[in-house]
Amino acid sequence: ADDPRAGFRAVSGLMLALFVTSTATGVITTIVAERGGGGAGV
């Protein structure tokens, strides 16, 4: 509480990594689900 900026600074990189992971996973999962279906021909 005295210095939240210093406390946050230590985990800021992990926060960005989690944001990037969530964004990339959401986009790719959706593209595969929307376009990956269909008949492949037995």
Full PDB file with SEQRES, HELIX, SHEET, SSBOND, CRYST1, ORIGX, SCALE, CONECT and MASTER records, all heavy atoms in Angstrom:
SEQRES   1 A   42  ALA ASP ASP PRO ARG ALA GLY PHE ARG ALA VAL SER GLY          
SEQRES   2 A   42  LEU MET LEU ALA LEU PHE VAL THR SER THR ALA THR GLY          
SEQRES   3 A   42  VAL ILE THR THR ILE VAL ALA GLU ARG GLY GLY GLY GLY          
SEQRES   4 A   42  ALA GLY VAL                                                  
HELIX    1 AA1 PRO A    4  ARG A   35  1                                  32    
CRYST1    1.000    1.000    1.000  90.00  90.00  90.00 P 1           1          
ORIGX1      1.000000  0.000000  0.000000        0.00000                         
ORIGX2      0.000000  1.000000  0.000000        0.00000                         
ORIGX3      0.000000  0.000000  1.000000        0.00000                         
SCALE1      1.000000  0.000000  0.000000        0.00000                         
SCALE2      0.000000  1.000000  0.000000        0.00000                         
SCALE3      0.000000  0.000000  1.000000        0.00000                         
ATOM      1  N   ALA A   1       0.828  -1.209   0.000  1.00  0.00           N  
ATOM      2  CA  ALA A   1       0.000   0.000   0.000  1.00  0.00           C  
ATOM      3  C   ALA A   1       0.861   1.258   0.000  1.00  0.00           C  
ATOM      4  O   ALA A   1       0.474   2.277  -0.589  1.00  0.00           O  
ATOM      5  CB  ALA A   1      -0.927  -0.012   1.216  1.00  0.00           C  
ATOM      6  N   ASP A   2       2.035   1.204   0.654  1.00  0.00           N  
ATOM      7  CA  ASP A   2       2.924   2.362   0.673  1.00  0.00           C  
ATOM      8  C   ASP A   2       3.500   2.659  -0.703  1.00  0.00           C  
ATOM      9  O   ASP A   2       3.678   3.823  -1.073  1.00  0.00           O  
ATOM     10  CB  ASP A   2       4.070   2.133   1.676  1.00  0.00           C  
ATOM     11  CG  ASP A   2       3.610   2.304   3.113  1.00  0.00           C  
ATOM     12  OD1 ASP A   2       2.515   2.846   3.316  1.00  0.00           O  
ATOM     13  OD2 ASP A   2       4.348   1.876   4.021  1.00  0.00           O  
ATOM     14  N   ASP A   3       3.819   1.607  -1.466  1.00  0.00           N  
ATOM     15  CA  ASP A   3       4.413   1.821  -2.793  1.00  0.00           C  
ATOM     16  C   ASP A   3       3.876   0.780  -3.770  1.00  0.00           C  
ATOM     17  O   ASP A   3       4.574  -0.166  -4.146  1.00  0.00           O  
ATOM     18  CB  ASP A   3       5.938   1.746  -2.715  1.00  0.00           C  
ATOM     19  CG  ASP A   3       6.601   2.295  -3.985  1.00  0.00           C  
ATOM     20  OD1 ASP A   3       5.871   2.692  -4.917  1.00  0.00           O  
ATOM     21  OD2 ASP A   3       7.853   2.324  -4.043  1.00  0.00           O  
ATOM     22  N   PRO A   4       2.604   0.885  -4.184  1.00  0.00           N  
ATOM     23  CA  PRO A   4       2.036  -0.114  -5.097  1.00  0.00           C  
ATOM     24  C   PRO A   4       2.700  -0.113  -6.466  1.00  0.00           C  
ATOM     25  O   PRO A   4       2.667  -1.124  -7.170  1.00  0.00           O  
ATOM     26  CB  PRO A   4       0.562   0.279  -5.186  1.00  0.00           C  
ATOM     27  CG  PRO A   4       0.529   1.731  -4.824  1.00  0.00           C  
ATOM     28  CD  PRO A   4       1.627   1.926  -3.829  1.00  0.00           C  
ATOM     29  N   ARG A   5       3.318   1.002  -6.858  1.00  0.00           N  
ATOM     30  CA  ARG A   5       3.981   1.047  -8.163  1.00  0.00           C  
ATOM     31  C   ARG A   5       5.143   0.062  -8.211  1.00  0.00           C  
ATOM     32  O   ARG A   5       5.337  -0.644  -9.199  1.00  0.00           O  
ATOM     33  CB  ARG A   5       4.456   2.464  -8.451  1.00  0.00           C  
ATOM     34  CG  ARG A   5       3.331   3.487  -8.592  1.00  0.00           C  
ATOM     35  CD  ARG A   5       3.873   4.900  -8.679  1.00  0.00           C  
ATOM     36  NE  ARG A   5       2.809   5.894  -8.765  1.00  0.00           N  
ATOM     37  CZ  ARG A   5       2.158   6.368  -7.709  1.00  0.00           C  
ATOM     38  NH1 ARG A   5       2.482   5.944  -6.477  1.00  0.00           N  
ATOM     39  NH2 ARG A   5       1.206   7.268  -7.866  1.00  0.00           N  
ATOM     40  N   ALA A   6       5.936   0.025  -7.142  1.00  0.00           N  
ATOM     41  CA  ALA A   6       7.063  -0.905  -7.100  1.00  0.00           C  
ATOM     42  C   ALA A   6       6.577  -2.345  -7.068  1.00  0.00           C  
ATOM     43  O   ALA A   6       7.155  -3.226  -7.716  1.00  0.00           O  
ATOM     44  CB  ALA A   6       7.939  -0.612  -5.879  1.00  0.00           C  
ATOM     45  N   GLY A   7       5.500  -2.614  -6.317  1.00  0.00           N  
ATOM     46  CA  GLY A   7       4.966  -3.974  -6.280  1.00  0.00           C  
ATOM     47  C   GLY A   7       4.447  -4.432  -7.625  1.00  0.00           C  
ATOM     48  O   GLY A   7       4.641  -5.586  -8.021  1.00  0.00           O  
ATOM     49  N   PHE A   8       3.783  -3.524  -8.337  1.00  0.00           N  
ATOM     50  CA  PHE A   8       3.260  -3.884  -9.651  1.00  0.00           C  
ATOM     51  C   PHE A   8       4.374  -4.063 -10.669  1.00  0.00           C  
ATOM     52  O   PHE A   8       4.285  -4.916 -11.559  1.00  0.00           O  
ATOM     53  CB  PHE A   8       2.289  -2.810 -10.126  1.00  0.00           C  
ATOM     54  CG  PHE A   8       1.927  -2.927 -11.575  1.00  0.00           C  
ATOM     55  CD1 PHE A   8       1.097  -3.933 -12.023  1.00  0.00           C  
ATOM     56  CD2 PHE A   8       2.442  -2.033 -12.509  1.00  0.00           C  
ATOM     57  CE1 PHE A   8       0.775  -4.047 -13.367  1.00  0.00           C  
ATOM     58  CE2 PHE A   8       2.122  -2.137 -13.843  1.00  0.00           C  
ATOM     59  CZ  PHE A   8       1.285  -3.146 -14.274  1.00  0.00           C  
ATOM     60  N   ARG A   9       5.434  -3.261 -10.549  1.00  0.00           N  
ATOM     61  CA  ARG A   9       6.503  -3.309 -11.531  1.00  0.00           C  
ATOM     62  C   ARG A   9       7.089  -4.713 -11.655  1.00  0.00           C  
ATOM     63  O   ARG A   9       7.496  -5.135 -12.731  1.00  0.00           O  
ATOM     64  CB  ARG A   9       7.587  -2.312 -11.161  1.00  0.00           C  
ATOM     65  CG  ARG A   9       8.588  -2.016 -12.269  1.00  0.00           C  
ATOM     66  CD  ARG A   9       9.613  -0.999 -11.800  1.00  0.00           C  
ATOM     67  NE  ARG A   9       8.962   0.247 -11.389  1.00  0.00           N  
ATOM     68  CZ  ARG A   9       9.098   0.794 -10.190  1.00  0.00           C  
ATOM     69  NH1 ARG A   9       9.859   0.220  -9.277  1.00  0.00           N  
ATOM     70  NH2 ARG A   9       8.471   1.920  -9.897  1.00  0.00           N  
ATOM     71  N   ALA A  10       7.128  -5.451 -10.549  1.00  0.00           N  
ATOM     72  CA  ALA A  10       7.736  -6.785 -10.570  1.00  0.00           C  
ATOM     73  C   ALA A  10       6.940  -7.765 -11.419  1.00  0.00           C  
ATOM     74  O   ALA A  10       7.505  -8.703 -11.977  1.00  0.00           O  
ATOM     75  CB  ALA A  10       7.881  -7.316  -9.141  1.00  0.00           C  
ATOM     76  N   VAL A  11       5.618  -7.580 -11.515  1.00  0.00           N  
ATOM     77  CA  VAL A  11       4.785  -8.548 -12.230  1.00  0.00           C  
ATOM     78  C   VAL A  11       4.196  -7.954 -13.505  1.00  0.00           C  
ATOM     79  O   VAL A  11       3.347  -8.583 -14.142  1.00  0.00           O  
ATOM     80  CB  VAL A  11       3.639  -9.051 -11.312  1.00  0.00           C  
ATOM     81  CG1 VAL A  11       4.199  -9.776 -10.105  1.00  0.00           C  
ATOM     82  CG2 VAL A  11       2.739  -7.901 -10.887  1.00  0.00           C  
ATOM     83  N   SER A  12       4.630  -6.761 -13.907  1.00  0.00           N  
ATOM     84  CA  SER A  12       4.060  -6.133 -15.095  1.00  0.00           C  
ATOM     85  C   SER A  12       4.307  -6.971 -16.348  1.00  0.00           C  
ATOM     86  O   SER A  12       3.445  -7.062 -17.224  1.00  0.00           O  
ATOM     87  CB  SER A  12       4.634  -4.727 -15.275  1.00  0.00           C  
ATOM     88  OG  SER A  12       6.055  -4.762 -15.376  1.00  0.00           O  
ATOM     89  N   GLY A  13       5.496  -7.585 -16.438  1.00  0.00           N  
ATOM     90  CA  GLY A  13       5.777  -8.430 -17.599  1.00  0.00           C  
ATOM     91  C   GLY A  13       4.852  -9.629 -17.672  1.00  0.00           C  
ATOM     92  O   GLY A  13       4.382 -10.020 -18.749  1.00  0.00           O  
ATOM     93  N   LEU A  14       4.566 -10.243 -16.521  1.00  0.00           N  
ATOM     94  CA  LEU A  14       3.652 -11.385 -16.500  1.00  0.00           C  
ATOM     95  C   LEU A  14       2.228 -10.959 -16.859  1.00  0.00           C  
ATOM     96  O   LEU A  14       1.494 -11.711 -17.501  1.00  0.00           O  
ATOM     97  CB  LEU A  14       3.672 -12.029 -15.117  1.00  0.00           C  
ATOM     98  CG  LEU A  14       4.970 -12.759 -14.771  1.00  0.00           C  
ATOM     99  CD1 LEU A  14       5.005 -13.095 -13.299  1.00  0.00           C  
ATOM    100  CD2 LEU A  14       5.105 -14.020 -15.598  1.00  0.00           C  
ATOM    101  N   MET A  15       1.831  -9.772 -16.442  1.00  0.00           N  
ATOM    102  CA  MET A  15       0.512  -9.285 -16.805  1.00  0.00           C  
ATOM    103  C   MET A  15       0.391  -9.140 -18.318  1.00  0.00           C  
ATOM    104  O   MET A  15      -0.608  -9.564 -18.927  1.00  0.00           O  
ATOM    105  CB  MET A  15       0.251  -7.947 -16.127  1.00  0.00           C  
ATOM    106  CG  MET A  15      -1.116  -7.349 -16.454  1.00  0.00           C  
ATOM    107  SD  MET A  15      -1.202  -5.586 -16.113  1.00  0.00           S  
ATOM    108  CE  MET A  15      -0.048  -4.968 -17.343  1.00  0.00           C  
ATOM    109  N   LEU A  16       1.415  -8.563 -18.955  1.00  0.00           N  
ATOM    110  CA  LEU A  16       1.386  -8.420 -20.409  1.00  0.00           C  
ATOM    111  C   LEU A  16       1.388  -9.786 -21.086  1.00  0.00           C  
ATOM    112  O   LEU A  16       0.716  -9.986 -22.105  1.00  0.00           O  
ATOM    113  CB  LEU A  16       2.585  -7.591 -20.873  1.00  0.00           C  
ATOM    114  CG  LEU A  16       2.584  -6.116 -20.464  1.00  0.00           C  
ATOM    115  CD1 LEU A  16       3.849  -5.431 -20.972  1.00  0.00           C  
ATOM    116  CD2 LEU A  16       1.349  -5.403 -20.988  1.00  0.00           C  
ATOM    117  N   ALA A  17       2.163 -10.741 -20.534  1.00  0.00           N  
ATOM    118  CA  ALA A  17       2.198 -12.089 -21.112  1.00  0.00           C  
ATOM    119  C   ALA A  17       0.825 -12.739 -21.036  1.00  0.00           C  
ATOM    120  O   ALA A  17       0.378 -13.398 -21.987  1.00  0.00           O  
ATOM    121  CB  ALA A  17       3.231 -12.942 -20.384  1.00  0.00           C  
ATOM    122  N   LEU A  18       0.133 -12.564 -19.916  1.00  0.00           N  
ATOM    123  CA  LEU A  18      -1.196 -13.147 -19.779  1.00  0.00           C  
ATOM    124  C   LEU A  18      -2.180 -12.480 -20.730  1.00  0.00           C  
ATOM    125  O   LEU A  18      -3.036 -13.142 -21.323  1.00  0.00           O  
ATOM    126  CB  LEU A  18      -1.671 -13.008 -18.335  1.00  0.00           C  
ATOM    127  CG  LEU A  18      -3.008 -13.667 -17.993  1.00  0.00           C  
ATOM    128  CD1 LEU A  18      -2.964 -15.156 -18.312  1.00  0.00           C  
ATOM    129  CD2 LEU A  18      -3.347 -13.463 -16.525  1.00  0.00           C  
ATOM    130  N   PHE A  19      -2.060 -11.174 -20.911  1.00  0.00           N  
ATOM    131  CA  PHE A  19      -2.927 -10.471 -21.866  1.00  0.00           C  
ATOM    132  C   PHE A  19      -2.687 -10.990 -23.282  1.00  0.00           C  
ATOM    133  O   PHE A  19      -3.640 -11.289 -24.022  1.00  0.00           O  
ATOM    134  CB  PHE A  19      -2.663  -8.973 -21.800  1.00  0.00           C  
ATOM    135  CG  PHE A  19      -3.298  -8.197 -22.924  1.00  0.00           C  
ATOM    136  CD1 PHE A  19      -4.652  -7.910 -22.909  1.00  0.00           C  
ATOM    137  CD2 PHE A  19      -2.547  -7.773 -24.013  1.00  0.00           C  
ATOM    138  CE1 PHE A  19      -5.244  -7.205 -23.954  1.00  0.00           C  
ATOM    139  CE2 PHE A  19      -3.123  -7.072 -25.049  1.00  0.00           C  
ATOM    140  CZ  PHE A  19      -4.479  -6.784 -25.022  1.00  0.00           C  
ATOM    141  N   VAL A  20      -1.416 -11.100 -23.675  1.00  0.00           N  
ATOM    142  CA  VAL A  20      -1.089 -11.572 -25.023  1.00  0.00           C  
ATOM    143  C   VAL A  20      -1.560 -13.009 -25.208  1.00  0.00           C  
ATOM    144  O   VAL A  20      -2.124 -13.370 -26.254  1.00  0.00           O  
ATOM    145  CB  VAL A  20       0.426 -11.459 -25.261  1.00  0.00           C  
ATOM    146  CG1 VAL A  20       0.834 -12.192 -26.527  1.00  0.00           C  
ATOM    147  CG2 VAL A  20       0.836  -9.997 -25.349  1.00  0.00           C  
ATOM    148  N   THR A  21      -1.333 -13.859 -24.206  1.00  0.00           N  
ATOM    149  CA  THR A  21      -1.759 -15.254 -24.297  1.00  0.00           C  
ATOM    150  C   THR A  21      -3.264 -15.355 -24.457  1.00  0.00           C  
ATOM    151  O   THR A  21      -3.769 -16.121 -25.294  1.00  0.00           O  
ATOM    152  CB  THR A  21      -1.311 -16.019 -23.040  1.00  0.00           C  
ATOM    153  OG1 THR A  21       0.107 -15.966 -22.935  1.00  0.00           O  
ATOM    154  CG2 THR A  21      -1.755 -17.469 -23.098  1.00  0.00           C  
ATOM    155  N   SER A  22      -4.017 -14.591 -23.682  1.00  0.00           N  
ATOM    156  CA  SER A  22      -5.476 -14.640 -23.765  1.00  0.00           C  
ATOM    157  C   SER A  22      -5.967 -14.129 -25.112  1.00  0.00           C  
ATOM    158  O   SER A  22      -6.862 -14.718 -25.724  1.00  0.00           O  
ATOM    159  CB  SER A  22      -6.083 -13.808 -22.626  1.00  0.00           C  
ATOM    160  OG  SER A  22      -5.655 -14.287 -21.366  1.00  0.00           O  
ATOM    161  N   THR A  23      -5.379 -13.027 -25.594  1.00  0.00           N  
ATOM    162  CA  THR A  23      -5.800 -12.473 -26.882  1.00  0.00           C  
ATOM    163  C   THR A  23      -5.496 -13.440 -28.023  1.00  0.00           C  
ATOM    164  O   THR A  23      -6.361 -13.728 -28.865  1.00  0.00           O  
ATOM    165  CB  THR A  23      -5.107 -11.126 -27.131  1.00  0.00           C  
ATOM    166  OG1 THR A  23      -5.384 -10.235 -26.053  1.00  0.00           O  
ATOM    167  CG2 THR A  23      -5.585 -10.504 -28.430  1.00  0.00           C  
ATOM    168  N   ALA A  24      -4.245 -13.935 -28.074  1.00  0.00           N  
ATOM    169  CA  ALA A  24      -3.851 -14.836 -29.160  1.00  0.00           C  
ATOM    170  C   ALA A  24      -4.656 -16.123 -29.131  1.00  0.00           C  
ATOM    171  O   ALA A  24      -5.125 -16.609 -30.166  1.00  0.00           O  
ATOM    172  CB  ALA A  24      -2.357 -15.138 -29.061  1.00  0.00           C  
ATOM    173  N   THR A  25      -4.848 -16.692 -27.945  1.00  0.00           N  
ATOM    174  CA  THR A  25      -5.608 -17.934 -27.834  1.00  0.00           C  
ATOM    175  C   THR A  25      -7.056 -17.724 -28.253  1.00  0.00           C  
ATOM    176  O   THR A  25      -7.642 -18.557 -28.956  1.00  0.00           O  
ATOM    177  CB  THR A  25      -5.546 -18.461 -26.395  1.00  0.00           C  
ATOM    178  OG1 THR A  25      -4.187 -18.674 -26.021  1.00  0.00           O  
ATOM    179  CG2 THR A  25      -6.308 -19.765 -26.268  1.00  0.00           C  
ATOM    180  N   GLY A  26      -7.649 -16.613 -27.821  1.00  0.00           N  
ATOM    181  CA  GLY A  26      -9.029 -16.338 -28.205  1.00  0.00           C  
ATOM    182  C   GLY A  26      -9.199 -16.202 -29.705  1.00  0.00           C  
ATOM    183  O   GLY A  26     -10.138 -16.762 -30.292  1.00  0.00           O  
ATOM    184  N   VAL A  27      -8.288 -15.491 -30.356  1.00  0.00           N  
ATOM    185  CA  VAL A  27      -8.381 -15.290 -31.805  1.00  0.00           C  
ATOM    186  C   VAL A  27      -8.196 -16.604 -32.551  1.00  0.00           C  
ATOM    187  O   VAL A  27      -9.003 -16.967 -33.424  1.00  0.00           O  
ATOM    188  CB  VAL A  27      -7.351 -14.240 -32.262  1.00  0.00           C  
ATOM    189  CG1 VAL A  27      -7.274 -14.204 -33.791  1.00  0.00           C  
ATOM    190  CG2 VAL A  27      -7.711 -12.859 -31.726  1.00  0.00           C  
ATOM    191  N   ILE A  28      -7.138 -17.346 -32.218  1.00  0.00           N  
ATOM    192  CA  ILE A  28      -6.845 -18.575 -32.958  1.00  0.00           C  
ATOM    193  C   ILE A  28      -7.896 -19.642 -32.700  1.00  0.00           C  
ATOM    194  O   ILE A  28      -8.331 -20.348 -33.620  1.00  0.00           O  
ATOM    195  CB  ILE A  28      -5.442 -19.089 -32.589  1.00  0.00           C  
ATOM    196  CG1 ILE A  28      -4.392 -18.033 -32.936  1.00  0.00           C  
ATOM    197  CG2 ILE A  28      -5.138 -20.385 -33.310  1.00  0.00           C  
ATOM    198  CD1 ILE A  28      -4.419 -17.579 -34.370  1.00  0.00           C  
ATOM    199  N   THR A  29      -8.333 -19.796 -31.450  1.00  0.00           N  
ATOM    200  CA  THR A  29      -9.364 -20.787 -31.133  1.00  0.00           C  
ATOM    201  C   THR A  29     -10.632 -20.515 -31.934  1.00  0.00           C  
ATOM    202  O   THR A  29     -11.258 -21.439 -32.468  1.00  0.00           O  
ATOM    203  CB  THR A  29      -9.673 -20.760 -29.628  1.00  0.00           C  
ATOM    204  OG1 THR A  29      -8.494 -21.085 -28.889  1.00  0.00           O  
ATOM    205  CG2 THR A  29     -10.763 -21.762 -29.284  1.00  0.00           C  
ATOM    206  N   THR A  30     -11.001 -19.270 -32.051  1.00  0.00           N  
ATOM    207  CA  THR A  30     -12.216 -18.920 -32.781  1.00  0.00           C  
ATOM    208  C   THR A  30     -12.061 -19.165 -34.278  1.00  0.00           C  
ATOM    209  O   THR A  30     -12.970 -19.695 -34.928  1.00  0.00           O  
ATOM    210  CB  THR A  30     -12.572 -17.445 -32.522  1.00  0.00           C  
ATOM    211  OG1 THR A  30     -12.753 -17.248 -31.117  1.00  0.00           O  
ATOM    212  CG2 THR A  30     -13.840 -17.061 -33.253  1.00  0.00           C  
ATOM    213  N   ILE A  31     -10.907 -18.786 -34.846  1.00  0.00           N  
ATOM    214  CA  ILE A  31     -10.691 -19.004 -36.283  1.00  0.00           C  
ATOM    215  C   ILE A  31     -10.746 -20.490 -36.611  1.00  0.00           C  
ATOM    216  O   ILE A  31     -11.374 -20.910 -37.591  1.00  0.00           O  
ATOM    217  CB  ILE A  31      -9.344 -18.397 -36.719  1.00  0.00           C  
ATOM    218  CG1 ILE A  31      -9.403 -16.865 -36.650  1.00  0.00           C  
ATOM    219  CG2 ILE A  31      -8.984 -18.836 -38.140  1.00  0.00           C  
ATOM    220  CD1 ILE A  31      -8.085 -16.190 -36.972  1.00  0.00           C  
ATOM    221  N   VAL A  32     -10.107 -21.304 -35.784  1.00  0.00           N  
ATOM    222  CA  VAL A  32     -10.121 -22.748 -36.026  1.00  0.00           C  
ATOM    223  C   VAL A  32     -11.535 -23.297 -35.904  1.00  0.00           C  
ATOM    224  O   VAL A  32     -11.974 -24.120 -36.713  1.00  0.00           O  
ATOM    225  CB  VAL A  32      -9.163 -23.460 -35.047  1.00  0.00           C  
ATOM    226  CG1 VAL A  32      -9.313 -24.975 -35.156  1.00  0.00           C  
ATOM    227  CG2 VAL A  32      -7.728 -23.059 -35.329  1.00  0.00           C  
ATOM    228  N   ALA A  33     -12.280 -22.829 -34.905  1.00  0.00           N  
ATOM    229  CA  ALA A  33     -13.638 -23.326 -34.711  1.00  0.00           C  
ATOM    230  C   ALA A  33     -14.559 -22.914 -35.855  1.00  0.00           C  
ATOM    231  O   ALA A  33     -15.423 -23.689 -36.278  1.00  0.00           O  
ATOM    232  CB  ALA A  33     -14.191 -22.813 -33.383  1.00  0.00           C  
ATOM    233  N   GLU A  34     -14.374 -21.696 -36.371  1.00  0.00           N  
ATOM    234  CA  GLU A  34     -15.254 -21.198 -37.427  1.00  0.00           C  
ATOM    235  C   GLU A  34     -14.896 -21.753 -38.796  1.00  0.00           C  
ATOM    236  O   GLU A  34     -15.776 -22.016 -39.612  1.00  0.00           O  
ATOM    237  CB  GLU A  34     -15.193 -19.662 -37.472  1.00  0.00           C  
ATOM    238  CG  GLU A  34     -15.794 -18.971 -36.259  1.00  0.00           C  
ATOM    239  CD  GLU A  34     -17.313 -18.993 -36.283  1.00  0.00           C  
ATOM    240  OE1 GLU A  34     -17.886 -19.329 -37.338  1.00  0.00           O  
ATOM    241  OE2 GLU A  34     -17.921 -18.680 -35.244  1.00  0.00           O  
ATOM    242  N   ARG A  35     -13.615 -21.925 -39.042  1.00  0.00           N  
ATOM    243  CA  ARG A  35     -13.184 -22.321 -40.388  1.00  0.00           C  
ATOM    244  C   ARG A  35     -12.710 -23.760 -40.475  1.00  0.00           C  
ATOM    245  O   ARG A  35     -12.542 -24.295 -41.569  1.00  0.00           O  
ATOM    246  CB  ARG A  35     -12.038 -21.429 -40.864  1.00  0.00           C  
ATOM    247  CG  ARG A  35     -12.401 -19.974 -41.003  1.00  0.00           C  
ATOM    248  CD  ARG A  35     -11.223 -19.212 -41.579  1.00  0.00           C  
ATOM    249  NE  ARG A  35     -11.484 -17.789 -41.715  1.00  0.00           N  
ATOM    250  CZ  ARG A  35     -10.598 -16.916 -42.170  1.00  0.00           C  
ATOM    251  NH1 ARG A  35      -9.388 -17.329 -42.527  1.00  0.00           N  
ATOM    252  NH2 ARG A  35     -10.908 -15.643 -42.267  1.00  0.00           N  
ATOM    253  N   GLY A  36     -12.439 -24.369 -39.354  1.00  0.00           N  
ATOM    254  CA  GLY A  36     -11.827 -25.693 -39.392  1.00  0.00           C  
ATOM    255  C   GLY A  36     -12.798 -26.822 -39.622  1.00  0.00           C  
ATOM    256  O   GLY A  36     -12.401 -27.955 -39.788  1.00  0.00           O  
ATOM    257  N   GLY A  37     -14.112 -26.531 -39.601  1.00  0.00           N  
ATOM    258  CA  GLY A  37     -15.069 -27.608 -39.813  1.00  0.00           C  
ATOM    259  C   GLY A  37     -15.248 -27.931 -41.272  1.00  0.00           C  
ATOM    260  O   GLY A  37     -14.519 -27.524 -42.153  1.00  0.00           O  
ATOM    261  N   GLY A  38     -16.300 -28.678 -41.544  1.00  0.00           N  
ATOM    262  CA  GLY A  38     -16.603 -29.013 -42.928  1.00  0.00           C  
ATOM    263  C   GLY A  38     -16.162 -30.404 -43.277  1.00  0.00           C  
ATOM    264  O   GLY A  38     -15.398 -31.062 -42.594  1.00  0.00           O  
ATOM    265  N   GLY A  39     -16.665 -30.876 -44.392  1.00  0.00           N  
ATOM    266  CA  GLY A  39     -16.330 -32.213 -44.811  1.00  0.00           C  
ATOM    267  C   GLY A  39     -14.934 -32.304 -45.335  1.00  0.00           C  
ATOM    268  O   GLY A  39     -14.463 -31.490 -46.083  1.00  0.00           O  
ATOM    269  N   ALA A  40     -14.252 -33.332 -44.957  1.00  0.00           N  
ATOM    270  CA  ALA A  40     -12.894 -33.540 -45.423  1.00  0.00           C  
ATOM    271  C   ALA A  40     -12.840 -34.564 -46.526  1.00  0.00           C  
ATOM    272  O   ALA A  40     -11.813 -34.770 -47.131  1.00  0.00           O  
ATOM    273  CB  ALA A  40     -12.010 -33.976 -44.258  1.00  0.00           C  
ATOM    274  N   GLY A  41     -13.993 -35.223 -46.797  1.00  0.00           N  
ATOM    275  CA  GLY A  41     -13.943 -36.296 -47.770  1.00  0.00           C  
ATOM    276  C   GLY A  41     -13.396 -37.536 -47.120  1.00  0.00           C  
ATOM    277  O   GLY A  41     -12.237 -37.606 -46.760  1.00  0.00           O  
ATOM    278  N   VAL A  42     -14.230 -38.562 -46.923  1.00  0.00           N  
ATOM    279  CA  VAL A  42     -13.762 -39.746 -46.223  1.00  0.00           C  
ATOM    280  C   VAL A  42     -12.628 -40.409 -46.977  1.00  0.00           C  
ATOM    281  O   VAL A  42     -11.717 -40.987 -46.395  1.00  0.00           O  
ATOM    282  CB  VAL A  42     -14.946 -40.728 -46.023  1.00  0.00           C  
ATOM    283  CG1 VAL A  42     -14.492 -41.999 -45.356  1.00  0.00           C  
ATOM    284  CG2 VAL A  42     -16.044 -40.057 -45.212  1.00  0.00           C  
TER     285      VAL A  42                                                      
MASTER        0    0    0    1    0    0    0    6  284    1    0    4          
END                                                                             
